[in-house]
């Protein structure tokens, strides 16, 4: 069973967006702090009523978030 929920974070048009890689979760926030709180809440609500075995997850999984940065500009 997996012990990690993976989240991909990127900058949308006006807010930061987080999408679950291995769970069907999407949320957003105006700041990264807002987004982190929204991710925690979305995952908590998702796990509340789901059978974790369907997603091959342990009871209290960790969360790993990947932040997509803008392309680097070289001089």
PDB file of N, CA and C in Angstrom:
ATOM      1  N   UNK A   1       0.847  -1.191   0.000  1.00  0.00           N
ATOM      2  CA  UNK A   1       0.000   0.000   0.000  1.00  0.00           C
ATOM      3  C   UNK A   1       0.888   1.248   0.000  1.00  0.00           C
ATOM      4  N   UNK A   2       0.398   2.262  -0.669  1.00  0.00           N
ATOM      5  CA  UNK A   2       1.159   3.513  -0.751  1.00  0.00           C
ATOM      6  C   UNK A   2       0.965   4.332   0.515  1.00  0.00           C
ATOM      7  N   UNK A   3       2.020   4.988   0.917  1.00  0.00           N
ATOM      8  CA  UNK A   3       1.991   5.823   2.113  1.00  0.00           C
ATOM      9  C   UNK A   3       1.980   7.310   1.769  1.00  0.00           C
ATOM     10  N   UNK A   4       1.896   7.627   0.473  1.00  0.00           N
ATOM     11  CA  UNK A   4       2.037   9.017   0.036  1.00  0.00           C
ATOM     12  C   UNK A   4       0.928   9.392  -0.943  1.00  0.00           C
ATOM     13  N   UNK A   5       0.365  10.580  -0.735  1.00  0.00           N
ATOM     14  CA  UNK A   5      -0.537  11.203  -1.706  1.00  0.00           C
ATOM     15  C   UNK A   5       0.284  12.266  -2.418  1.00  0.00           C
ATOM     16  N   UNK A   6       0.315  12.196  -3.739  1.00  0.00           N
ATOM     17  CA  UNK A   6       1.094  13.146  -4.529  1.00  0.00           C
ATOM     18  C   UNK A   6       0.194  14.251  -5.063  1.00  0.00           C
ATOM     19  N   UNK A   7       0.670  15.487  -4.932  1.00  0.00           N
ATOM     20  CA  UNK A   7      -0.070  16.660  -5.392  1.00  0.00           C
ATOM     21  C   UNK A   7       0.832  17.481  -6.309  1.00  0.00           C
ATOM     22  N   UNK A   8       0.296  17.898  -7.448  1.00  0.00           N
ATOM     23  CA  UNK A   8       1.008  18.770  -8.375  1.00  0.00           C
ATOM     24  C   UNK A   8       0.451  20.181  -8.220  1.00  0.00           C
ATOM     25  N   UNK A   9       1.329  21.174  -8.011  1.00  0.00           N
ATOM     26  CA  UNK A   9       0.911  22.574  -7.832  1.00  0.00           C
ATOM     27  C   UNK A   9       1.449  23.406  -8.987  1.00  0.00           C
ATOM     28  N   UNK A  10       0.588  24.260  -9.530  1.00  0.00           N
ATOM     29  CA  UNK A  10       1.029  25.177 -10.572  1.00  0.00           C
ATOM     30  C   UNK A  10       0.237  26.471 -10.467  1.00  0.00           C
ATOM     31  N   UNK A  11       0.731  27.513 -11.113  1.00  0.00           N
ATOM     32  CA  UNK A  11       0.085  28.824 -11.100  1.00  0.00           C
ATOM     33  C   UNK A  11      -0.938  28.873 -12.218  1.00  0.00           C
ATOM     34  N   UNK A  12      -2.208  29.078 -11.843  1.00  0.00           N
ATOM     35  CA  UNK A  12      -3.265  29.246 -12.828  1.00  0.00           C
ATOM     36  C   UNK A  12      -3.312  30.689 -13.289  1.00  0.00           C
ATOM     37  N   UNK A  13      -4.401  31.079 -13.907  1.00  0.00           N
ATOM     38  CA  UNK A  13      -4.527  32.454 -14.387  1.00  0.00           C
ATOM     39  C   UNK A  13      -4.540  33.459 -13.254  1.00  0.00           C
ATOM     40  N   UNK A  14      -5.241  33.141 -12.157  1.00  0.00           N
ATOM     41  CA  UNK A  14      -5.326  34.106 -11.062  1.00  0.00           C
ATOM     42  C   UNK A  14      -5.036  33.487  -9.696  1.00  0.00           C
ATOM     43  N   UNK A  15      -4.939  32.150  -9.625  1.00  0.00           N
ATOM     44  CA  UNK A  15      -4.702  31.493  -8.346  1.00  0.00           C
ATOM     45  C   UNK A  15      -3.764  30.305  -8.531  1.00  0.00           C
ATOM     46  N   UNK A  16      -3.238  29.810  -7.420  1.00  0.00           N
ATOM     47  CA  UNK A  16      -2.467  28.577  -7.442  1.00  0.00           C
ATOM     48  C   UNK A  16      -3.451  27.409  -7.472  1.00  0.00           C
ATOM     49  N   UNK A  17      -3.116  26.380  -8.233  1.00  0.00           N
ATOM     50  CA  UNK A  17      -3.980  25.218  -8.399  1.00  0.00           C
ATOM     51  C   UNK A  17      -3.222  23.972  -7.958  1.00  0.00           C
ATOM     52  N   UNK A  18      -3.913  23.084  -7.254  1.00  0.00           N
ATOM     53  CA  UNK A  18      -3.332  21.812  -6.826  1.00  0.00           C
ATOM     54  C   UNK A  18      -4.199  20.678  -7.352  1.00  0.00           C
ATOM     55  N   UNK A  19      -3.550  19.701  -7.995  1.00  0.00           N
ATOM     56  CA  UNK A  19      -4.254  18.541  -8.517  1.00  0.00           C
ATOM     57  C   UNK A  19      -3.613  17.280  -7.973  1.00  0.00           C
ATOM     58  N   UNK A  20      -4.440  16.356  -7.537  1.00  0.00           N
ATOM     59  CA  UNK A  20      -3.930  15.081  -7.063  1.00  0.00           C
ATOM     60  C   UNK A  20      -3.409  14.247  -8.217  1.00  0.00           C
ATOM     61  N   UNK A  21      -2.243  13.628  -8.016  1.00  0.00           N
ATOM     62  CA  UNK A  21      -1.664  12.753  -9.032  1.00  0.00           C
ATOM     63  C   UNK A  21      -2.258  11.356  -8.907  1.00  0.00           C
ATOM     64  N   UNK A  22      -2.404  10.877  -7.671  1.00  0.00           N
ATOM     65  CA  UNK A  22      -2.904   9.521  -7.462  1.00  0.00           C
ATOM     66  C   UNK A  22      -4.253   9.479  -6.736  1.00  0.00           C
ATOM     67  N   UNK A  23      -4.875  10.639  -6.565  1.00  0.00           N
ATOM     68  CA  UNK A  23      -6.229  10.729  -6.008  1.00  0.00           C
ATOM     69  C   UNK A  23      -6.983  11.830  -6.765  1.00  0.00           C
ATOM     70  N   UNK A  24      -8.303  11.704  -6.911  1.00  0.00           N
ATOM     71  CA  UNK A  24      -9.073  12.699  -7.671  1.00  0.00           C
ATOM     72  C   UNK A  24      -9.418  13.934  -6.837  1.00  0.00           C
ATOM     73  N   UNK A  25      -8.426  14.775  -6.605  1.00  0.00           N
ATOM     74  CA  UNK A  25      -8.605  15.993  -5.803  1.00  0.00           C
ATOM     75  C   UNK A  25      -8.085  17.181  -6.598  1.00  0.00           C
ATOM     76  N   UNK A  26      -8.868  18.269  -6.624  1.00  0.00           N
ATOM     77  CA  UNK A  26      -8.439  19.532  -7.221  1.00  0.00           C
ATOM     78  C   UNK A  26      -8.900  20.637  -6.298  1.00  0.00           C
ATOM     79  N   UNK A  27      -7.997  21.588  -6.022  1.00  0.00           N
ATOM     80  CA  UNK A  27      -8.359  22.746  -5.206  1.00  0.00           C
ATOM     81  C   UNK A  27      -7.489  23.915  -5.639  1.00  0.00           C
ATOM     82  N   UNK A  28      -7.797  25.099  -5.120  1.00  0.00           N
ATOM     83  CA  UNK A  28      -7.024  26.290  -5.476  1.00  0.00           C
ATOM     84  C   UNK A  28      -6.951  27.246  -4.309  1.00  0.00           C
ATOM     85  N   UNK A  29      -6.055  28.231  -4.410  1.00  0.00           N
ATOM     86  CA  UNK A  29      -5.904  29.243  -3.375  1.00  0.00           C
ATOM     87  C   UNK A  29      -5.205  30.469  -3.924  1.00  0.00           C
ATOM     88  N   UNK A  30      -5.512  31.622  -3.354  1.00  0.00           N
ATOM     89  CA  UNK A  30      -4.897  32.877  -3.818  1.00  0.00           C
ATOM     90  C   UNK A  30      -3.419  32.937  -3.479  1.00  0.00           C
ATOM     91  N   UNK A  31      -3.039  32.373  -2.332  1.00  0.00           N
ATOM     92  CA  UNK A  31      -1.630  32.328  -1.926  1.00  0.00           C
ATOM     93  C   UNK A  31      -1.246  30.872  -1.707  1.00  0.00           C
ATOM     94  N   UNK A  32       0.052  30.608  -1.605  1.00  0.00           N
ATOM     95  CA  UNK A  32       0.494  29.243  -1.335  1.00  0.00           C
ATOM     96  C   UNK A  32       0.032  28.778   0.039  1.00  0.00           C
ATOM     97  N   UNK A  33       0.000  29.689   1.014  1.00  0.00           N
ATOM     98  CA  UNK A  33      -0.499  29.325   2.345  1.00  0.00           C
ATOM     99  C   UNK A  33      -1.975  28.916   2.286  1.00  0.00           C
ATOM    100  N   UNK A  34      -2.780  29.690   1.551  1.00  0.00           N
ATOM    101  CA  UNK A  34      -4.192  29.329   1.371  1.00  0.00           C
ATOM    102  C   UNK A  34      -4.308  27.973   0.682  1.00  0.00           C
ATOM    103  N   UNK A  35      -3.472  27.767  -0.315  1.00  0.00           N
ATOM    104  CA  UNK A  35      -3.522  26.515  -1.069  1.00  0.00           C
ATOM    105  C   UNK A  35      -3.180  25.322  -0.185  1.00  0.00           C
ATOM    106  N   UNK A  36      -2.160  25.454   0.650  1.00  0.00           N
ATOM    107  CA  UNK A  36      -1.780  24.355   1.554  1.00  0.00           C
ATOM    108  C   UNK A  36      -2.948  23.996   2.467  1.00  0.00           C
ATOM    109  N   UNK A  37      -3.591  25.001   3.032  1.00  0.00           N
ATOM    110  CA  UNK A  37      -4.755  24.743   3.887  1.00  0.00           C
ATOM    111  C   UNK A  37      -5.881  24.072   3.110  1.00  0.00           C
ATOM    112  N   UNK A  38      -6.105  24.519   1.875  1.00  0.00           N
ATOM    113  CA  UNK A  38      -7.158  23.937   1.050  1.00  0.00           C
ATOM    114  C   UNK A  38      -6.826  22.496   0.651  1.00  0.00           C
ATOM    115  N   UNK A  39      -5.549  22.207   0.405  1.00  0.00           N
ATOM    116  CA  UNK A  39      -5.129  20.836   0.086  1.00  0.00           C
ATOM    117  C   UNK A  39      -5.424  19.922   1.265  1.00  0.00           C
ATOM    118  N   UNK A  40      -5.022  20.346   2.457  1.00  0.00           N
ATOM    119  CA  UNK A  40      -5.263  19.530   3.656  1.00  0.00           C
ATOM    120  C   UNK A  40      -6.752  19.266   3.845  1.00  0.00           C
ATOM    121  N   UNK A  41      -7.559  20.306   3.685  1.00  0.00           N
ATOM    122  CA  UNK A  41      -9.001  20.157   3.859  1.00  0.00           C
ATOM    123  C   UNK A  41      -9.597  19.243   2.787  1.00  0.00           C
ATOM    124  N   UNK A  42      -9.176  19.419   1.538  1.00  0.00           N
ATOM    125  CA  UNK A  42      -9.701  18.597   0.449  1.00  0.00           C
ATOM    126  C   UNK A  42      -9.343  17.127   0.648  1.00  0.00           C
ATOM    127  N   UNK A  43      -8.121  16.853   1.065  1.00  0.00           N
ATOM    128  CA  UNK A  43      -7.712  15.471   1.287  1.00  0.00           C
ATOM    129  C   UNK A  43      -8.460  14.879   2.473  1.00  0.00           C
ATOM    130  N   UNK A  44      -8.603  15.656   3.535  1.00  0.00           N
ATOM    131  CA  UNK A  44      -9.335  15.172   4.704  1.00  0.00           C
ATOM    132  C   UNK A  44     -10.774  14.821   4.334  1.00  0.00           C
ATOM    133  N   UNK A  45     -11.436  15.692   3.581  1.00  0.00           N
ATOM    134  CA  UNK A  45     -12.819  15.424   3.161  1.00  0.00           C
ATOM    135  C   UNK A  45     -12.894  14.229   2.219  1.00  0.00           C
ATOM    136  N   UNK A  46     -11.930  14.112   1.338  1.00  0.00           N
ATOM    137  CA  UNK A  46     -11.906  12.991   0.403  1.00  0.00           C
ATOM    138  C   UNK A  46     -11.744  11.665   1.134  1.00  0.00           C
ATOM    139  N   UNK A  47     -10.804  11.610   2.075  1.00  0.00           N
ATOM    140  CA  UNK A  47     -10.507  10.360   2.771  1.00  0.00           C
ATOM    141  C   UNK A  47     -11.606   9.956   3.744  1.00  0.00           C
ATOM    142  N   UNK A  48     -12.424  10.916   4.162  1.00  0.00           N
ATOM    143  CA  UNK A  48     -13.483  10.674   5.143  1.00  0.00           C
ATOM    144  C   UNK A  48     -14.455   9.581   4.706  1.00  0.00           C
ATOM    145  N   UNK A  49     -14.856   9.592   3.449  1.00  0.00           N
ATOM    146  CA  UNK A  49     -15.902   8.683   2.987  1.00  0.00           C
ATOM    147  C   UNK A  49     -15.423   7.658   1.959  1.00  0.00           C
ATOM    148  N   UNK A  50     -14.136   7.596   1.716  1.00  0.00           N
ATOM    149  CA  UNK A  50     -13.622   6.689   0.697  1.00  0.00           C
ATOM    150  C   UNK A  50     -13.054   5.421   1.315  1.00  0.00           C
ATOM    151  N   UNK A  51     -13.101   4.362   0.542  1.00  0.00           N
ATOM    152  CA  UNK A  51     -12.442   3.124   0.904  1.00  0.00           C
ATOM    153  C   UNK A  51     -10.990   3.258   0.443  1.00  0.00           C
ATOM    154  N   UNK A  52     -10.062   3.399   1.381  1.00  0.00           N
ATOM    155  CA  UNK A  52      -8.660   3.651   1.043  1.00  0.00           C
ATOM    156  C   UNK A  52      -8.053   2.509   0.235  1.00  0.00           C
ATOM    157  N   UNK A  53      -8.575   1.309   0.380  1.00  0.00           N
ATOM    158  CA  UNK A  53      -8.047   0.173  -0.377  1.00  0.00           C
ATOM    159  C   UNK A  53      -8.262   0.352  -1.880  1.00  0.00           C
ATOM    160  N   UNK A  54      -9.315   1.073  -2.264  1.00  0.00           N
ATOM    161  CA  UNK A  54      -9.566   1.333  -3.678  1.00  0.00           C
ATOM    162  C   UNK A  54      -8.456   2.185  -4.288  1.00  0.00           C
ATOM    163  N   UNK A  55      -7.817   3.012  -3.475  1.00  0.00           N
ATOM    164  CA  UNK A  55      -6.734   3.881  -3.938  1.00  0.00           C
ATOM    165  C   UNK A  55      -5.373   3.365  -3.482  1.00  0.00           C
ATOM    166  N   UNK A  56      -5.352   2.172  -2.894  1.00  0.00           N
ATOM    167  CA  UNK A  56      -4.128   1.530  -2.429  1.00  0.00           C
ATOM    168  C   UNK A  56      -3.360   2.431  -1.445  1.00  0.00           C
ATOM    169  N   UNK A  57      -4.103   3.074  -0.514  1.00  0.00           N
ATOM    170  CA  UNK A  57      -3.504   3.987   0.458  1.00  0.00           C
ATOM    171  C   UNK A  57      -3.596   3.437   1.875  1.00  0.00           C
ATOM    172  N   UNK A  58      -2.584   3.751   2.686  1.00  0.00           N
ATOM    173  CA  UNK A  58      -2.626   3.412   4.106  1.00  0.00           C
ATOM    174  C   UNK A  58      -3.579   4.372   4.806  1.00  0.00           C
ATOM    175  N   UNK A  59      -3.845   4.134   6.087  1.00  0.00           N
ATOM    176  CA  UNK A  59      -4.833   4.916   6.831  1.00  0.00           C
ATOM    177  C   UNK A  59      -4.457   6.391   6.973  1.00  0.00           C
ATOM    178  N   UNK A  60      -3.206   6.696   7.280  1.00  0.00           N
ATOM    179  CA  UNK A  60      -2.787   8.091   7.433  1.00  0.00           C
ATOM    180  C   UNK A  60      -1.610   8.386   6.502  1.00  0.00           C
ATOM    181  N   UNK A  61      -1.893   8.606   5.218  1.00  0.00           N
ATOM    182  CA  UNK A  61      -0.807   8.828   4.260  1.00  0.00           C
ATOM    183  C   UNK A  61      -0.167  10.204   4.420  1.00  0.00           C
ATOM    184  N   UNK A  62       1.085  10.307   4.003  1.00  0.00           N
ATOM    185  CA  UNK A  62       1.776  11.595   3.943  1.00  0.00           C
ATOM    186  C   UNK A  62       1.389  12.287   2.640  1.00  0.00           C
ATOM    187  N   UNK A  63       1.651  13.584   2.582  1.00  0.00           N
ATOM    188  CA  UNK A  63       1.347  14.359   1.380  1.00  0.00           C
ATOM    189  C   UNK A  63       2.656  14.934   0.846  1.00  0.00           C
ATOM    190  N   UNK A  64       2.917  14.704  -0.432  1.00  0.00           N
ATOM    191  CA  UNK A  64       4.079  15.305  -1.093  1.00  0.00           C
ATOM    192  C   UNK A  64       3.550  16.178  -2.215  1.00  0.00           C
ATOM    193  N   UNK A  65       4.002  17.438  -2.234  1.00  0.00           N
ATOM    194  CA  UNK A  65       3.551  18.378  -3.258  1.00  0.00           C
ATOM    195  C   UNK A  65       4.727  18.792  -4.132  1.00  0.00           C
ATOM    196  N   UNK A  66       4.511  18.781  -5.440  1.00  0.00           N
ATOM    197  CA  UNK A  66       5.497  19.250  -6.416  1.00  0.00           C
ATOM    198  C   UNK A  66       5.023  20.585  -6.945  1.00  0.00           C
ATOM    199  N   UNK A  67       5.893  21.581  -6.891  1.00  0.00           N
ATOM    200  CA  UNK A  67       5.548  22.926  -7.359  1.00  0.00           C
ATOM    201  C   UNK A  67       6.178  23.164  -8.717  1.00  0.00           C
ATOM    202  N   UNK A  68       5.349  23.449  -9.702  1.00  0.00           N
ATOM    203  CA  UNK A  68       5.829  23.741 -11.045  1.00  0.00           C
ATOM    204  C   UNK A  68       6.244  25.206 -11.113  1.00  0.00           C
ATOM    205  N   UNK A  69       7.504  25.446 -11.458  1.00  0.00           N
ATOM    206  CA  UNK A  69       8.020  26.810 -11.560  1.00  0.00           C
ATOM    207  C   UNK A  69       8.035  27.253 -13.008  1.00  0.00           C
ATOM    208  N   UNK A  70       8.019  28.594 -13.218  1.00  0.00           N
ATOM    209  CA  UNK A  70       8.132  29.131 -14.564  1.00  0.00           C
ATOM    210  C   UNK A  70       9.491  28.744 -15.145  1.00  0.00           C
ATOM    211  N   UNK A  71       9.579  28.753 -16.441  1.00  0.00           N
ATOM    212  CA  UNK A  71      10.832  28.429 -17.097  1.00  0.00           C
ATOM    213  C   UNK A  71      11.927  29.398 -16.676  1.00  0.00           C
ATOM    214  N   UNK A  72      13.136  28.887 -16.579  1.00  0.00           N
ATOM    215  CA  UNK A  72      14.272  29.730 -16.233  1.00  0.00           C
ATOM    216  C   UNK A  72      14.708  30.534 -17.444  1.00  0.00           C
ATOM    217  N   UNK A  73      15.137  31.753 -17.200  1.00  0.00           N
ATOM    218  CA  UNK A  73      15.633  32.603 -18.268  1.00  0.00           C
ATOM    219  C   UNK A  73      17.140  32.713 -18.098  1.00  0.00           C
ATOM    220  N   UNK A  74      17.883  32.375 -19.137  1.00  0.00           N
ATOM    221  CA  UNK A  74      19.341  32.434 -19.080  1.00  0.00           C
ATOM    222  C   UNK A  74      19.825  33.677 -19.777  1.00  0.00           C
ATOM    223  N   UNK A  75      20.844  34.312 -19.208  1.00  0.00           N
ATOM    224  CA  UNK A  75      21.404  35.533 -19.797  1.00  0.00           C
ATOM    225  C   UNK A  75      22.351  35.204 -20.915  1.00  0.00           C
TER     226      UNK A  75
END
